[in-house]
């Protein structure tokens, strides 16, 4: 097989060597530099990369991706799109070759989008950026995706053992995302995915009213049928309404979110946090237990890192403590500390529960665990 990695970049000289150390398993690497003013292009060429420098005006990610894909040789069997702030674990090529068959169009593989401060994984999902040479086009000005336009049905398969890690530059702005999302929705108001992303972006900008309006519109679109993403819209609506001090409506949307996708931890934990703020401890105990009953981590981008970290155990510990179940609170507190061993509040709560259990028969004033 001929495997070619392709990418776009701008001012990412700091990542060149790390990226190429990872991408070196490919037969060729081609990059579209969209106007670097540092030494990115020169460093890439020094590592054997075929670099084309070309600005995309007006800027949009899909046009840049399509131009970079056009640089891939026609005889490539497998095209792998990455960014310079991403790193494959060694052996990725062999794992892709093992998963690939001639009738396939695309491969899926595991992607860690973010990491916690202690180095453990945060946001993890599966992506599909390894594909055949022909039949593909990148679409959407931002949050661009591959659209299959080739003959016959789209056939994809998982590639077990492939792991790609994202280590972004935290100084880079995402300020261009909002206007590009507004452009995407203006170009195609019926695109449910872009409508959801726009509402989510308004949430990130704390533009609560606009967030609620756009996400409610998302839920009315005929194509907005994926429960997981519908649930996410409902969750953002609920949290935006809380920020607008419309708690009664917010709780209704939390309940709707749970009902839309009860197989996800995220809506249960969002509702648990809402109940926690209202000190509804039986509710916190119930919702956190429902979250923890979900054992399998989904492969989609909807899953969030904190849902699979210490948070559900922390909430479960508080819920059990304040409903009188000290042994259960201790068990959950230990789990939370194991997942976040440097968190002083969690360690303090664990020590408090241990002391109380050992002194249950003594008439000493109750201590209370820290909730924030």
Protein backbone atom coordinates (compact mmCIF):
# COMPACT_ATOMS: atom_id res chain seq x y z
CA UNK A 1 0.00 0.00 0.00
CA UNK A 2 1.00 3.58 -0.59
CA UNK A 3 0.09 5.69 2.44
CA UNK A 4 0.20 9.48 2.20
CA UNK A 5 -0.33 11.95 5.06
CA UNK A 6 -1.66 15.38 4.13
CA UNK A 7 -2.20 18.50 6.23
CA UNK A 8 -2.69 22.26 6.33
CA UNK A 9 -0.69 24.57 8.56
CA UNK A 10 0.16 28.13 9.45
CA UNK A 11 2.89 29.25 11.86
CA UNK A 12 3.44 25.87 13.48
CA UNK A 13 7.21 25.57 13.33
CA UNK A 14 7.30 24.46 16.97
CA UNK A 15 5.40 21.28 16.10
CA UNK A 16 7.27 20.21 12.94
CA UNK A 17 9.79 17.78 14.40
CA UNK A 18 7.36 16.10 16.79
CA UNK A 19 4.79 15.76 14.01
CA UNK A 20 7.24 14.34 11.49
CA UNK A 21 8.66 11.90 14.02
CA UNK A 22 5.12 10.53 14.16
CA UNK A 23 4.13 10.81 10.49
CA UNK A 24 7.36 9.27 9.23
CA UNK A 25 5.67 5.88 8.90
CA UNK A 26 3.91 7.19 5.78
CA UNK A 27 5.40 6.84 2.30
CA UNK A 28 4.90 10.55 1.59
CA UNK A 29 3.84 13.65 3.50
CA UNK A 30 2.35 16.67 1.72
CA UNK A 31 1.44 19.97 3.38
CA UNK A 32 -0.35 23.11 2.31
CA UNK A 33 1.15 26.08 4.17
CA UNK A 34 -1.50 28.81 4.12
CA UNK A 35 0.81 31.72 4.83
CA UNK A 36 3.26 31.06 7.66
CA UNK A 37 5.48 33.93 8.72
CA UNK A 38 7.75 31.73 10.83
CA UNK A 39 10.00 28.93 9.61
CA UNK A 40 7.28 26.27 9.29
CA UNK A 41 7.69 25.64 5.56
CA UNK A 42 11.48 25.55 5.73
CA UNK A 43 11.50 23.11 8.65
CA UNK A 44 9.00 20.86 6.94
CA UNK A 45 11.05 20.76 3.75
CA UNK A 46 14.14 19.95 5.79
CA UNK A 47 12.29 16.89 7.07
CA UNK A 48 11.43 15.73 3.57
CA UNK A 49 7.89 17.11 3.32
CA UNK A 50 6.48 18.30 0.00
CA UNK A 51 5.28 21.81 0.90
CA UNK A 52 3.05 24.08 -1.18
CA UNK A 53 2.59 27.66 0.05
CA UNK A 54 -0.73 29.19 -0.91
CA UNK A 55 -3.12 31.53 0.91
CA UNK A 56 -6.85 30.78 0.91
CA UNK A 57 -8.92 33.95 0.53
CA UNK A 58 -11.46 34.30 1.95
CA UNK A 59 -10.38 31.83 4.58
CA UNK A 60 -12.42 28.69 5.13
CA UNK A 61 -11.21 25.34 6.36
CA UNK A 62 -12.95 23.19 3.77
CA UNK A 63 -11.29 25.02 0.87
CA UNK A 64 -7.90 24.62 2.52
CA UNK A 65 -8.46 20.91 3.16
CA UNK A 66 -9.60 20.31 -0.41
CA UNK A 67 -6.55 22.10 -1.76
CA UNK A 68 -4.27 20.02 0.46
CA UNK A 69 -6.02 16.83 -0.65
CA UNK A 70 -5.41 17.80 -4.28
CA UNK A 71 -1.68 17.68 -3.53
CA UNK A 72 -1.86 13.97 -2.68
CA UNK A 73 -0.56 11.80 -5.55
CA UNK A 74 -3.27 10.00 -7.52
CA UNK A 75 -1.65 6.62 -6.91
CA UNK A 76 -2.08 6.84 -3.12
CA UNK A 77 -4.02 3.91 -1.67
CA UNK A 78 -4.73 5.53 1.67
CA UNK A 79 -4.86 9.26 2.49
CA UNK A 80 -4.50 10.27 6.13
CA UNK A 81 -5.42 13.82 7.12
CA UNK A 82 -3.85 15.19 10.30
CA UNK A 83 -2.84 18.53 11.78
CA UNK A 84 0.63 19.49 12.94
CA UNK A 85 -0.45 19.56 16.58
CA UNK A 86 -1.46 15.88 16.41
CA UNK A 87 0.68 12.79 17.01
CA UNK A 88 0.05 9.15 16.11
CA UNK A 89 1.24 6.46 18.46
CA UNK A 90 3.92 4.28 16.83
CA UNK A 91 2.65 1.43 14.70
CA UNK A 92 -0.30 3.36 13.30
CA UNK A 93 0.52 2.52 9.70
CA UNK A 94 0.65 -1.24 10.28
CA UNK A 95 -2.65 -1.08 12.17
CA UNK A 96 -4.29 0.83 9.31
CA UNK A 97 -2.93 -1.59 6.74
CA UNK A 98 -4.28 -4.51 8.79
CA UNK A 99 -7.75 -2.92 8.86
CA UNK A 100 -7.83 -1.81 5.21
CA UNK A 101 -9.40 -3.83 2.42
CA UNK A 102 -9.80 -2.79 -1.24
CA UNK A 103 -13.57 -2.31 -0.99
CA UNK A 104 -13.30 0.16 1.91
CA UNK A 105 -13.55 3.93 1.55
CA UNK A 106 -12.68 5.07 5.06
CA UNK A 107 -11.18 4.03 8.42
CA UNK A 108 -12.21 5.05 11.94
CA UNK A 109 -9.72 5.32 14.77
CA UNK A 110 -9.40 6.55 18.34
CA UNK A 111 -8.66 10.23 18.95
CA UNK A 112 -7.76 11.97 22.21
CA UNK A 113 -8.75 15.60 21.72
CA UNK A 114 -7.69 16.83 25.17
CA UNK A 115 -5.71 15.78 28.21
CA UNK A 116 -6.07 16.56 31.89
CA UNK A 117 -3.43 18.48 33.82
CA UNK A 118 -1.93 15.26 35.19
CA UNK A 119 -1.56 13.85 31.68
CA UNK A 120 -4.52 11.49 31.71
CA UNK A 121 -6.95 11.50 28.81
CA UNK A 122 -9.81 13.96 28.77
CA UNK A 123 -12.10 14.23 25.74
CA UNK A 124 -11.85 11.02 23.68
CA UNK A 125 -13.81 9.94 20.61
CA UNK A 126 -13.29 8.23 17.22
CA UNK A 127 -12.63 10.10 13.97
CA UNK A 128 -12.64 9.14 10.28
CA UNK A 129 -9.87 11.03 8.51
CA UNK A 130 -8.16 8.08 6.79
CA UNK A 131 -9.72 7.44 3.41
CA UNK A 132 -9.39 6.37 -0.21
CA UNK A 133 -7.84 8.78 -2.72
CA UNK A 134 -10.93 9.46 -4.83
CA UNK A 135 -14.59 10.22 -4.13
CA UNK A 136 -14.11 12.68 -1.27
CA UNK A 137 -14.71 16.38 -0.68
CA UNK A 138 -14.30 18.44 2.46
CA UNK A 139 -17.37 20.54 3.30
CA UNK A 140 -18.30 23.32 5.78
CA UNK A 141 -16.31 26.55 6.35
CA UNK A 142 -15.37 25.36 9.86
CA UNK A 143 -15.74 22.05 11.71
CA UNK A 144 -15.21 20.68 8.25
CA UNK A 145 -16.02 17.05 7.48
CA UNK A 146 -15.35 14.62 4.67
CA UNK A 147 -18.35 14.09 2.38
CA UNK A 148 -18.49 10.93 0.27
CA UNK A 149 -19.26 11.71 -3.37
CA UNK A 150 -17.87 8.60 -4.97
CA UNK A 151 -19.70 5.79 -6.74
CA UNK A 152 -21.48 3.17 -4.68
CA UNK A 153 -22.14 3.08 -0.95
CA UNK A 154 -19.76 4.49 1.66
CA UNK A 155 -17.95 1.59 3.33
CA UNK A 156 -15.97 2.30 6.49
CA UNK A 157 -14.38 0.14 9.17
CA UNK A 158 -12.63 0.57 12.53
CA UNK A 159 -8.86 0.43 12.73
CA UNK A 160 -8.10 -1.11 16.15
CA UNK A 161 -4.78 -0.09 17.61
CA UNK A 162 -4.61 3.31 15.90
CA UNK A 163 -4.37 6.17 18.39
CA UNK A 164 -4.02 9.87 17.51
CA UNK A 165 -3.33 12.46 20.22
CA UNK A 166 -4.06 16.19 20.03
CA UNK A 167 -1.61 18.56 21.73
CA UNK A 168 -2.77 22.04 20.69
CA UNK A 169 -1.10 25.40 21.11
CA UNK A 170 -3.18 27.04 23.89
CA UNK A 171 -2.18 30.51 22.70
CA UNK A 172 -3.98 30.10 19.38
CA UNK A 173 -7.29 31.92 19.13
CA UNK A 174 -10.52 30.26 18.01
CA UNK A 175 -11.98 33.69 17.26
CA UNK A 176 -12.53 32.83 13.61
CA UNK A 177 -14.85 29.94 14.48
CA UNK A 178 -17.93 32.01 15.30
CA UNK A 179 -18.08 34.06 12.07
CA UNK A 180 -17.34 30.92 10.03
CA UNK A 181 -20.15 29.05 11.79
CA UNK A 182 -22.51 31.95 11.13
CA UNK A 183 -21.43 31.77 7.49
CA UNK A 184 -22.04 28.01 7.42
CA UNK A 185 -25.59 28.42 8.75
CA UNK A 186 -26.25 31.29 6.34
CA UNK A 187 -25.10 29.10 3.44
CA UNK A 188 -27.27 26.17 4.49
CA UNK A 189 -29.87 26.90 7.21
CA UNK A 190 -31.10 23.31 6.95
CA UNK A 191 -27.79 21.78 8.05
CA UNK A 192 -28.57 20.48 11.54
CA UNK A 193 -24.93 19.82 12.47
CA UNK A 194 -23.83 23.38 11.77
CA UNK A 195 -26.89 24.77 13.55
CA UNK A 196 -25.95 22.77 16.65
CA UNK A 197 -22.34 23.92 16.47
CA UNK A 198 -23.40 27.56 16.12
CA UNK A 199 -25.64 27.35 19.18
CA UNK A 200 -22.84 25.68 21.10
CA UNK A 201 -20.42 28.43 20.05
CA UNK A 202 -22.84 31.07 21.34
CA UNK A 203 -22.84 29.14 24.61
CA UNK A 204 -19.03 29.29 24.75
CA UNK A 205 -19.24 33.05 24.21
CA UNK A 206 -21.87 33.32 26.99
CA UNK A 207 -24.38 34.74 24.54
CA UNK A 208 -27.15 32.94 26.34
CA UNK A 209 -30.23 34.25 24.53
CA UNK A 210 -28.76 33.55 21.10
CA UNK A 211 -27.65 30.13 22.28
CA UNK A 212 -31.19 29.21 23.34
CA UNK A 213 -32.77 30.54 20.13
CA UNK A 214 -30.36 28.73 17.80
CA UNK A 215 -30.40 25.42 19.65
CA UNK A 216 -34.19 25.39 19.81
CA UNK A 217 -34.12 25.92 16.06
CA UNK A 218 -31.71 23.01 15.73
CA UNK A 219 -34.21 20.75 17.45
CA UNK A 220 -36.93 21.68 14.95
CA UNK A 221 -34.93 20.76 11.84
CA UNK A 222 -36.24 17.64 10.08
CA UNK A 223 -32.74 16.19 9.79
CA UNK A 224 -31.89 16.71 13.49
CA UNK A 225 -32.61 13.09 14.36
CA UNK A 226 -29.42 11.94 16.13
CA UNK A 227 -30.49 11.63 19.80
CA UNK A 228 -26.99 12.21 21.21
CA UNK A 229 -26.61 15.58 19.49
CA UNK A 230 -30.21 16.56 20.24
CA UNK A 231 -29.49 15.76 23.88
CA UNK A 232 -26.41 18.00 23.76
CA UNK A 233 -28.51 20.90 22.43
CA UNK A 234 -30.98 20.39 25.26
CA UNK A 235 -28.17 20.37 27.81
CA UNK A 236 -26.73 23.65 26.50
CA UNK A 237 -30.21 25.18 26.52
CA UNK A 238 -30.68 24.12 30.15
CA UNK A 239 -27.36 25.61 31.24
CA UNK A 240 -27.95 28.82 29.28
CA UNK A 241 -31.36 29.19 30.95
CA UNK A 242 -29.71 28.72 34.34
CA UNK A 243 -27.31 31.54 33.47
CA UNK A 244 -30.36 33.64 32.56
CA UNK A 245 -31.82 32.84 36.02
CA UNK A 246 -34.72 30.88 34.54
CA UNK A 247 -34.28 27.83 36.73
CA UNK A 248 -37.75 26.37 36.28
CA UNK A 249 -37.31 26.19 32.52
CA UNK A 250 -33.75 24.96 32.96
CA UNK A 251 -34.87 21.92 34.95
CA UNK A 252 -37.46 21.06 32.32
CA UNK A 253 -34.70 21.01 29.69
CA UNK A 254 -32.42 18.91 31.90
CA UNK A 255 -35.21 16.35 32.19
CA UNK A 256 -35.78 16.46 28.43
CA UNK A 257 -32.06 15.89 27.83
CA UNK A 258 -32.03 12.82 30.08
CA UNK A 259 -35.07 11.47 28.28
CA UNK A 260 -33.55 12.08 24.84
CA UNK A 261 -30.38 10.05 25.44
CA UNK A 262 -30.48 8.21 28.79
CA UNK A 263 -27.57 6.01 27.64
CA UNK A 264 -25.15 8.95 27.96
CA UNK A 265 -23.52 10.02 31.21
CA UNK A 266 -23.49 13.71 30.30
CA UNK A 267 -27.20 14.56 30.69
CA UNK A 268 -27.41 12.69 33.98
CA UNK A 269 -24.39 14.57 35.33
CA UNK A 270 -25.62 17.95 34.11
CA UNK A 271 -28.89 17.30 35.91
CA UNK A 272 -26.97 16.09 38.98
CA UNK A 273 -25.04 19.38 39.02
CA UNK A 274 -28.32 21.31 38.78
CA UNK A 275 -29.74 19.36 41.73
CA UNK A 276 -26.46 19.76 43.64
CA UNK A 277 -26.74 23.55 43.38
CA UNK A 278 -30.25 23.25 44.83
CA UNK A 279 -29.01 20.84 47.54
CA UNK A 280 -31.45 18.16 46.43
CA UNK A 281 -29.30 15.34 47.78
CA UNK A 282 -31.63 12.41 47.03
CA UNK A 283 -31.78 13.72 43.46
CA UNK A 284 -27.99 14.02 43.30
CA UNK A 285 -27.64 10.47 44.56
CA UNK A 286 -30.09 9.11 42.00
CA UNK A 287 -28.76 10.96 38.94
CA UNK A 288 -25.09 10.28 39.71
CA UNK A 289 -25.88 6.60 40.22
CA UNK A 290 -27.61 6.51 36.83
CA UNK A 291 -24.53 8.09 35.25
CA UNK A 292 -22.19 5.55 36.86
CA UNK A 293 -24.39 2.68 35.73
CA UNK A 294 -23.25 3.52 32.18
CA UNK A 295 -20.02 1.56 31.82
CA UNK A 296 -19.19 1.79 28.13
CA UNK A 297 -17.66 5.03 26.89
CA UNK A 298 -19.22 6.14 23.58
CA UNK A 299 -17.03 6.61 20.51
CA UNK A 300 -18.63 9.90 19.38
CA UNK A 301 -17.48 13.45 20.02
CA UNK A 302 -20.50 14.02 22.30
CA UNK A 303 -18.77 12.28 25.20
CA UNK A 304 -16.92 14.64 27.59
CA UNK A 305 -13.79 13.93 29.56
CA UNK A 306 -15.08 14.95 32.98
CA UNK A 307 -17.96 12.49 32.70
CA UNK A 308 -15.38 9.70 32.73
CA UNK A 309 -13.18 11.22 35.42
CA UNK A 310 -13.73 11.99 39.09
CA UNK A 311 -16.91 14.09 38.72
CA UNK A 312 -19.56 11.32 38.79
CA UNK A 313 -17.92 9.69 41.81
CA UNK A 314 -17.58 13.03 43.57
CA UNK A 315 -21.28 13.77 43.08
CA UNK A 316 -22.21 10.23 44.11
CA UNK A 317 -20.15 10.60 47.29
CA UNK A 318 -21.88 13.87 48.21
CA UNK A 319 -25.30 12.44 47.43
CA UNK A 320 -24.70 9.39 49.60
CA UNK A 321 -23.14 11.39 52.43
CA UNK A 322 -26.06 13.77 52.74
CA UNK A 323 -28.59 10.94 52.57
CA UNK A 324 -26.93 9.08 55.43
CA UNK A 325 -24.99 6.38 53.55
CA UNK A 326 -21.48 6.85 54.93
CA UNK A 327 -20.03 3.52 53.70
CA UNK A 328 -21.32 4.30 50.21
CA UNK A 329 -19.97 7.84 50.41
CA UNK A 330 -16.57 6.46 51.41
CA UNK A 331 -16.51 4.05 48.48
CA UNK A 332 -17.36 6.81 46.00
CA UNK A 333 -14.88 9.25 47.58
CA UNK A 334 -12.08 6.70 47.19
CA UNK A 335 -12.95 6.24 43.52
CA UNK A 336 -12.97 10.01 42.98
CA UNK A 337 -9.56 10.40 44.62
CA UNK A 338 -8.11 7.55 42.59
CA UNK A 339 -9.08 9.43 39.42
CA UNK A 340 -7.93 12.86 40.68
CA UNK A 341 -5.25 12.16 43.30
CA UNK A 342 -4.01 15.76 43.39
CA UNK A 343 -7.41 17.32 44.11
CA UNK A 344 -7.17 18.69 47.66
CA UNK A 345 -10.93 19.03 48.12
CA UNK A 346 -11.51 15.38 47.20
CA UNK A 347 -8.71 14.23 49.51
CA UNK A 348 -10.13 16.36 52.31
CA UNK A 349 -13.60 14.89 51.83
CA UNK A 350 -12.21 11.37 51.86
CA UNK A 351 -10.34 12.01 55.11
CA UNK A 352 -13.45 13.56 56.67
CA UNK A 353 -15.65 10.57 55.81
CA UNK A 354 -13.02 8.15 57.10
CA UNK A 355 -12.81 10.04 60.41
CA UNK A 356 -16.57 10.11 60.79
CA UNK A 357 -16.91 6.41 60.15
CA UNK A 358 -14.27 5.54 62.74
CA UNK A 359 -15.87 7.84 65.31
CA UNK A 360 -19.51 7.04 64.61
CA UNK A 361 -20.13 5.98 68.19
CA UNK A 362 -18.60 9.15 69.64
CA UNK A 363 -20.75 12.18 70.29
CA UNK A 364 -18.67 14.71 68.43
CA UNK A 365 -19.93 17.56 66.26
CA UNK A 366 -20.53 16.57 62.67
CA UNK A 367 -18.14 17.76 60.02
CA UNK A 368 -19.45 18.49 56.57
CA UNK A 369 -17.64 17.65 53.31
CA UNK A 370 -16.61 20.48 51.05
CA UNK A 371 -18.83 20.94 48.02
CA UNK A 372 -16.80 23.59 46.24
